[in-house]
Amino acid sequence: MRTLVRERRTEAGLSQGALASAVGVSRQTINAVETGRYQPSLPLAFALARYFGVAIEDLFHPEPGDLAT
């Protein structure tokens, strides 16, 4: 899954730690989401989208094969 969390975070001038604190997770979790090593839970995806004031679809984009048919 492709994510735009890093782009949104840097546009907002936030560190990974600051974003993590704002949404209630560790800095390592934010790093893992940004690098694609971890797909966030639905509650975390909602929290990130809510924090940035966007829809979940504006932050996360499935790659081919991510979605079952």
PDB file of N, CA and C in Angstrom:
ATOM      1  N   MET A   1       0.840  -1.165   0.000  1.00  0.00           N
ATOM      2  CA  MET A   1       0.000   0.000   0.000  1.00  0.00           C
ATOM      3  C   MET A   1       0.888   1.231   0.000  1.00  0.00           C
ATOM      4  N   ARG A   2       0.571   2.146  -0.869  1.00  0.00           N
ATOM      5  CA  ARG A   2       1.306   3.409  -0.937  1.00  0.00           C
ATOM      6  C   ARG A   2       0.681   4.381   0.051  1.00  0.00           C
ATOM      7  N   THR A   3       1.519   5.117   0.772  1.00  0.00           N
ATOM      8  CA  THR A   3       1.026   6.068   1.761  1.00  0.00           C
ATOM      9  C   THR A   3       1.600   7.460   1.521  1.00  0.00           C
ATOM     10  N   LEU A   4       0.797   8.453   1.827  1.00  0.00           N
ATOM     11  CA  LEU A   4       1.233   9.837   1.715  1.00  0.00           C
ATOM     12  C   LEU A   4       1.384  10.480   3.094  1.00  0.00           C
ATOM     13  N   VAL A   5       1.507   9.648   4.119  1.00  0.00           N
ATOM     14  CA  VAL A   5       1.632  10.171   5.482  1.00  0.00           C
ATOM     15  C   VAL A   5       2.891  11.028   5.613  1.00  0.00           C
ATOM     16  N   ARG A   6       4.013  10.548   5.097  1.00  0.00           N
ATOM     17  CA  ARG A   6       5.259  11.320   5.206  1.00  0.00           C
ATOM     18  C   ARG A   6       5.126  12.686   4.542  1.00  0.00           C
ATOM     19  N   GLU A   7       4.534  12.710   3.356  1.00  0.00           N
ATOM     20  CA  GLU A   7       4.371  13.980   2.657  1.00  0.00           C
ATOM     21  C   GLU A   7       3.509  14.946   3.461  1.00  0.00           C
ATOM     22  N   ARG A   8       2.381  14.454   3.977  1.00  0.00           N
ATOM     23  CA  ARG A   8       1.499  15.301   4.794  1.00  0.00           C
ATOM     24  C   ARG A   8       2.222  15.781   6.053  1.00  0.00           C
ATOM     25  N   ARG A   9       2.968  14.876   6.681  1.00  0.00           N
ATOM     26  CA  ARG A   9       3.677  15.228   7.913  1.00  0.00           C
ATOM     27  C   ARG A   9       4.723  16.299   7.661  1.00  0.00           C
ATOM     28  N   THR A  10       5.502  16.138   6.603  1.00  0.00           N
ATOM     29  CA  THR A  10       6.553  17.123   6.342  1.00  0.00           C
ATOM     30  C   THR A  10       5.959  18.457   5.894  1.00  0.00           C
ATOM     31  N   GLU A  11       4.867  18.411   5.135  1.00  0.00           N
ATOM     32  CA  GLU A  11       4.183  19.654   4.753  1.00  0.00           C
ATOM     33  C   GLU A  11       3.704  20.413   5.988  1.00  0.00           C
ATOM     34  N   ALA A  12       3.300  19.672   7.013  1.00  0.00           N
ATOM     35  CA  ALA A  12       2.814  20.277   8.250  1.00  0.00           C
ATOM     36  C   ALA A  12       3.967  20.680   9.181  1.00  0.00           C
ATOM     37  N   GLY A  13       5.201  20.344   8.803  1.00  0.00           N
ATOM     38  CA  GLY A  13       6.357  20.693   9.620  1.00  0.00           C
ATOM     39  C   GLY A  13       6.458  19.901  10.904  1.00  0.00           C
ATOM     40  N   LEU A  14       5.966  18.670  10.881  1.00  0.00           N
ATOM     41  CA  LEU A  14       5.959  17.821  12.070  1.00  0.00           C
ATOM     42  C   LEU A  14       7.073  16.788  12.035  1.00  0.00           C
ATOM     43  N   SER A  15       7.595  16.462  13.188  1.00  0.00           N
ATOM     44  CA  SER A  15       8.501  15.322  13.300  1.00  0.00           C
ATOM     45  C   SER A  15       7.655  14.060  13.425  1.00  0.00           C
ATOM     46  N   GLN A  16       8.281  12.924  13.228  1.00  0.00           N
ATOM     47  CA  GLN A  16       7.566  11.662  13.428  1.00  0.00           C
ATOM     48  C   GLN A  16       7.079  11.554  14.867  1.00  0.00           C
ATOM     49  N   GLY A  17       7.891  11.997  15.801  1.00  0.00           N
ATOM     50  CA  GLY A  17       7.514  11.940  17.210  1.00  0.00           C
ATOM     51  C   GLY A  17       6.313  12.806  17.527  1.00  0.00           C
ATOM     52  N   ALA A  18       6.258  13.992  16.946  1.00  0.00           N
ATOM     53  CA  ALA A  18       5.134  14.893  17.193  1.00  0.00           C
ATOM     54  C   ALA A  18       3.838  14.309  16.639  1.00  0.00           C
ATOM     55  N   LEU A  19       3.897  13.749  15.434  1.00  0.00           N
ATOM     56  CA  LEU A  19       2.710  13.134  14.856  1.00  0.00           C
ATOM     57  C   LEU A  19       2.296  11.922  15.674  1.00  0.00           C
ATOM     58  N   ALA A  20       3.258  11.122  16.074  1.00  0.00           N
ATOM     59  CA  ALA A  20       2.961   9.943  16.880  1.00  0.00           C
ATOM     60  C   ALA A  20       2.252  10.333  18.171  1.00  0.00           C
ATOM     61  N   SER A  21       2.748  11.349  18.826  1.00  0.00           N
ATOM     62  CA  SER A  21       2.136  11.815  20.065  1.00  0.00           C
ATOM     63  C   SER A  21       0.707  12.305  19.829  1.00  0.00           C
ATOM     64  N   ALA A  22       0.503  12.992  18.723  1.00  0.00           N
ATOM     65  CA  ALA A  22      -0.819  13.543  18.412  1.00  0.00           C
ATOM     66  C   ALA A  22      -1.862  12.462  18.163  1.00  0.00           C
ATOM     67  N   VAL A  23      -1.442  11.316  17.615  1.00  0.00           N
ATOM     68  CA  VAL A  23      -2.408  10.252  17.308  1.00  0.00           C
ATOM     69  C   VAL A  23      -2.309   9.071  18.268  1.00  0.00           C
ATOM     70  N   GLY A  24      -1.420   9.152  19.252  1.00  0.00           N
ATOM     71  CA  GLY A  24      -1.370   8.144  20.297  1.00  0.00           C
ATOM     72  C   GLY A  24      -0.650   6.855  19.975  1.00  0.00           C
ATOM     73  N   VAL A  25       0.398   6.953  19.154  1.00  0.00           N
ATOM     74  CA  VAL A  25       1.216   5.770  18.847  1.00  0.00           C
ATOM     75  C   VAL A  25       2.683   6.131  19.040  1.00  0.00           C
ATOM     76  N   SER A  26       3.569   5.175  18.826  1.00  0.00           N
ATOM     77  CA  SER A  26       5.007   5.438  18.960  1.00  0.00           C
ATOM     78  C   SER A  26       5.567   6.038  17.670  1.00  0.00           C
ATOM     79  N   ARG A  27       6.721   6.694  17.817  1.00  0.00           N
ATOM     80  CA  ARG A  27       7.414   7.224  16.647  1.00  0.00           C
ATOM     81  C   ARG A  27       7.776   6.096  15.694  1.00  0.00           C
ATOM     82  N   GLN A  28       8.118   4.930  16.245  1.00  0.00           N
ATOM     83  CA  GLN A  28       8.473   3.783  15.415  1.00  0.00           C
ATOM     84  C   GLN A  28       7.285   3.329  14.568  1.00  0.00           C
ATOM     85  N   THR A  29       6.082   3.427  15.111  1.00  0.00           N
ATOM     86  CA  THR A  29       4.888   3.065  14.339  1.00  0.00           C
ATOM     87  C   THR A  29       4.714   4.013  13.164  1.00  0.00           C
ATOM     88  N   ILE A  30       4.884   5.301  13.395  1.00  0.00           N
ATOM     89  CA  ILE A  30       4.767   6.272  12.297  1.00  0.00           C
ATOM     90  C   ILE A  30       5.825   5.981  11.241  1.00  0.00           C
ATOM     91  N   ASN A  31       7.053   5.699  11.676  1.00  0.00           N
ATOM     92  CA  ASN A  31       8.117   5.361  10.725  1.00  0.00           C
ATOM     93  C   ASN A  31       7.743   4.135   9.910  1.00  0.00           C
ATOM     94  N   ALA A  32       7.221   3.108  10.554  1.00  0.00           N
ATOM     95  CA  ALA A  32       6.856   1.876   9.854  1.00  0.00           C
ATOM     96  C   ALA A  32       5.716   2.118   8.865  1.00  0.00           C
ATOM     97  N   VAL A  33       4.748   2.952   9.230  1.00  0.00           N
ATOM     98  CA  VAL A  33       3.656   3.292   8.309  1.00  0.00           C
ATOM     99  C   VAL A  33       4.221   4.038   7.103  1.00  0.00           C
ATOM    100  N   GLU A  34       5.082   5.008   7.359  1.00  0.00           N
ATOM    101  CA  GLU A  34       5.639   5.826   6.272  1.00  0.00           C
ATOM    102  C   GLU A  34       6.494   5.007   5.307  1.00  0.00           C
ATOM    103  N   THR A  35       7.184   4.022   5.810  1.00  0.00           N
ATOM    104  CA  THR A  35       8.070   3.229   4.946  1.00  0.00           C
ATOM    105  C   THR A  35       7.381   2.011   4.356  1.00  0.00           C
ATOM    106  N   GLY A  36       6.102   1.809   4.708  1.00  0.00           N
ATOM    107  CA  GLY A  36       5.350   0.699   4.144  1.00  0.00           C
ATOM    108  C   GLY A  36       5.602  -0.636   4.811  1.00  0.00           C
ATOM    109  N   ARG A  37       6.302  -0.626   5.945  1.00  0.00           N
ATOM    110  CA  ARG A  37       6.551  -1.871   6.664  1.00  0.00           C
ATOM    111  C   ARG A  37       5.377  -2.279   7.533  1.00  0.00           C
ATOM    112  N   TYR A  38       4.427  -1.373   7.721  1.00  0.00           N
ATOM    113  CA  TYR A  38       3.273  -1.650   8.578  1.00  0.00           C
ATOM    114  C   TYR A  38       2.045  -0.984   7.977  1.00  0.00           C
ATOM    115  N   GLN A  39       0.997  -1.764   7.795  1.00  0.00           N
ATOM    116  CA  GLN A  39      -0.270  -1.199   7.354  1.00  0.00           C
ATOM    117  C   GLN A  39      -1.066  -0.854   8.606  1.00  0.00           C
ATOM    118  N   PRO A  40      -1.450   0.387   8.750  1.00  0.00           N
ATOM    119  CA  PRO A  40      -2.097   0.799   9.994  1.00  0.00           C
ATOM    120  C   PRO A  40      -3.452   0.127  10.194  1.00  0.00           C
ATOM    121  N   SER A  41      -3.809  -0.018  11.453  1.00  0.00           N
ATOM    122  CA  SER A  41      -5.144  -0.503  11.781  1.00  0.00           C
ATOM    123  C   SER A  41      -6.149   0.548  11.298  1.00  0.00           C
ATOM    124  N   LEU A  42      -7.384   0.143  11.185  1.00  0.00           N
ATOM    125  CA  LEU A  42      -8.422   1.083  10.765  1.00  0.00           C
ATOM    126  C   LEU A  42      -8.529   2.265  11.730  1.00  0.00           C
ATOM    127  N   PRO A  43      -8.510   2.040  13.053  1.00  0.00           N
ATOM    128  CA  PRO A  43      -8.556   3.196  13.959  1.00  0.00           C
ATOM    129  C   PRO A  43      -7.375   4.158  13.767  1.00  0.00           C
ATOM    130  N   LEU A  44      -6.178   3.626  13.520  1.00  0.00           N
ATOM    131  CA  LEU A  44      -5.025   4.499  13.295  1.00  0.00           C
ATOM    132  C   LEU A  44      -5.161   5.241  11.970  1.00  0.00           C
ATOM    133  N   ALA A  45      -5.623   4.566  10.931  1.00  0.00           N
ATOM    134  CA  ALA A  45      -5.823   5.232   9.640  1.00  0.00           C
ATOM    135  C   ALA A  45      -6.824   6.375   9.787  1.00  0.00           C
ATOM    136  N   PHE A  46      -7.917   6.130  10.524  1.00  0.00           N
ATOM    137  CA  PHE A  46      -8.894   7.193  10.767  1.00  0.00           C
ATOM    138  C   PHE A  46      -8.270   8.337  11.561  1.00  0.00           C
ATOM    139  N   ALA A  47      -7.477   8.007  12.582  1.00  0.00           N
ATOM    140  CA  ALA A  47      -6.845   9.047  13.401  1.00  0.00           C
ATOM    141  C   ALA A  47      -5.903   9.913  12.568  1.00  0.00           C
ATOM    142  N   LEU A  48      -5.119   9.286  11.710  1.00  0.00           N
ATOM    143  CA  LEU A  48      -4.206  10.043  10.844  1.00  0.00           C
ATOM    144  C   LEU A  48      -4.978  10.929   9.873  1.00  0.00           C
ATOM    145  N   ALA A  49      -6.003  10.376   9.252  1.00  0.00           N
ATOM    146  CA  ALA A  49      -6.808  11.158   8.315  1.00  0.00           C
ATOM    147  C   ALA A  49      -7.482  12.319   9.032  1.00  0.00           C
ATOM    148  N   ARG A  50      -8.035  12.060  10.204  1.00  0.00           N
ATOM    149  CA  ARG A  50      -8.704  13.114  10.976  1.00  0.00           C
ATOM    150  C   ARG A  50      -7.700  14.198  11.359  1.00  0.00           C
ATOM    151  N   TYR A  51      -6.514  13.790  11.775  1.00  0.00           N
ATOM    152  CA  TYR A  51      -5.492  14.762  12.173  1.00  0.00           C
ATOM    153  C   TYR A  51      -5.161  15.713  11.019  1.00  0.00           C
ATOM    154  N   PHE A  52      -5.017  15.153   9.813  1.00  0.00           N
ATOM    155  CA  PHE A  52      -4.662  15.974   8.657  1.00  0.00           C
ATOM    156  C   PHE A  52      -5.875  16.601   7.977  1.00  0.00           C
ATOM    157  N   GLY A  53      -7.073  16.247   8.426  1.00  0.00           N
ATOM    158  CA  GLY A  53      -8.288  16.828   7.852  1.00  0.00           C
ATOM    159  C   GLY A  53      -8.578  16.350   6.441  1.00  0.00           C
ATOM    160  N   VAL A  54      -8.258  15.079   6.187  1.00  0.00           N
ATOM    161  CA  VAL A  54      -8.476  14.508   4.856  1.00  0.00           C
ATOM    162  C   VAL A  54      -9.193  13.170   4.996  1.00  0.00           C
ATOM    163  N   ALA A  55      -9.634  12.622   3.875  1.00  0.00           N
ATOM    164  CA  ALA A  55     -10.219  11.282   3.855  1.00  0.00           C
ATOM    165  C   ALA A  55      -9.097  10.245   3.899  1.00  0.00           C
ATOM    166  N   ILE A  56      -9.399   9.068   4.415  1.00  0.00           N
ATOM    167  CA  ILE A  56      -8.410   7.989   4.445  1.00  0.00           C
ATOM    168  C   ILE A  56      -7.846   7.738   3.052  1.00  0.00           C
ATOM    169  N   GLU A  57      -8.700   7.816   2.042  1.00  0.00           N
ATOM    170  CA  GLU A  57      -8.265   7.564   0.666  1.00  0.00           C
ATOM    171  C   GLU A  57      -7.241   8.587   0.178  1.00  0.00           C
ATOM    172  N   ASP A  58      -7.168   9.740   0.850  1.00  0.00           N
ATOM    173  CA  ASP A  58      -6.174  10.745   0.492  1.00  0.00           C
ATOM    174  C   ASP A  58      -4.802  10.424   1.076  1.00  0.00           C
ATOM    175  N   LEU A  59      -4.751   9.505   2.036  1.00  0.00           N
ATOM    176  CA  LEU A  59      -3.483   9.126   2.662  1.00  0.00           C
ATOM    177  C   LEU A  59      -2.971   7.768   2.220  1.00  0.00           C
ATOM    178  N   PHE A  60      -3.886   6.858   1.932  1.00  0.00           N
ATOM    179  CA  PHE A  60      -3.507   5.472   1.640  1.00  0.00           C
ATOM    180  C   PHE A  60      -4.088   5.035   0.307  1.00  0.00           C
ATOM    181  N   HIS A  61      -3.222   4.482  -0.535  1.00  0.00           N
ATOM    182  CA  HIS A  61      -3.617   4.051  -1.868  1.00  0.00           C
ATOM    183  C   HIS A  61      -3.171   2.607  -2.068  1.00  0.00           C
ATOM    184  N   PRO A  62      -4.116   1.701  -2.281  1.00  0.00           N
ATOM    185  CA  PRO A  62      -3.741   0.302  -2.490  1.00  0.00           C
ATOM    186  C   PRO A  62      -2.953   0.128  -3.779  1.00  0.00           C
ATOM    187  N   GLU A  63      -2.012  -0.769  -3.727  1.00  0.00           N
ATOM    188  CA  GLU A  63      -1.233  -1.146  -4.909  1.00  0.00           C
ATOM    189  C   GLU A  63      -1.933  -2.331  -5.563  1.00  0.00           C
ATOM    190  N   PRO A  64      -1.646  -2.609  -6.819  1.00  0.00           N
ATOM    191  CA  PRO A  64      -2.230  -3.797  -7.446  1.00  0.00           C
ATOM    192  C   PRO A  64      -1.934  -5.040  -6.600  1.00  0.00           C
ATOM    193  N   GLY A  65      -2.936  -5.837  -6.398  1.00  0.00           N
ATOM    194  CA  GLY A  65      -2.783  -7.035  -5.595  1.00  0.00           C
ATOM    195  C   GLY A  65      -3.124  -6.843  -4.126  1.00  0.00           C
ATOM    196  N   ASP A  66      -3.263  -5.596  -3.656  1.00  0.00           N
ATOM    197  CA  ASP A  66      -3.627  -5.335  -2.266  1.00  0.00           C
ATOM    198  C   ASP A  66      -5.079  -5.656  -1.981  1.00  0.00           C
ATOM    199  N   LEU A  67      -5.919  -5.505  -2.983  1.00  0.00           N
ATOM    200  CA  LEU A  67      -7.346  -5.704  -2.797  1.00  0.00           C
ATOM    201  C   LEU A  67      -7.772  -7.056  -3.348  1.00  0.00           C
ATOM    202  N   ALA A  68      -8.483  -7.805  -2.566  1.00  0.00           N
ATOM    203  CA  ALA A  68      -9.022  -9.082  -3.034  1.00  0.00           C
ATOM    204  C   ALA A  68     -10.205  -8.809  -3.944  1.00  0.00           C
ATOM    205  N   THR A  69     -10.370  -9.629  -4.950  1.00  0.00           N
ATOM    206  CA  THR A  69     -11.501  -9.441  -5.857  1.00  0.00           C
ATOM    207  C   THR A  69     -12.571 -10.465  -5.586  1.00  0.00           C
TER     208      THR A  69
END
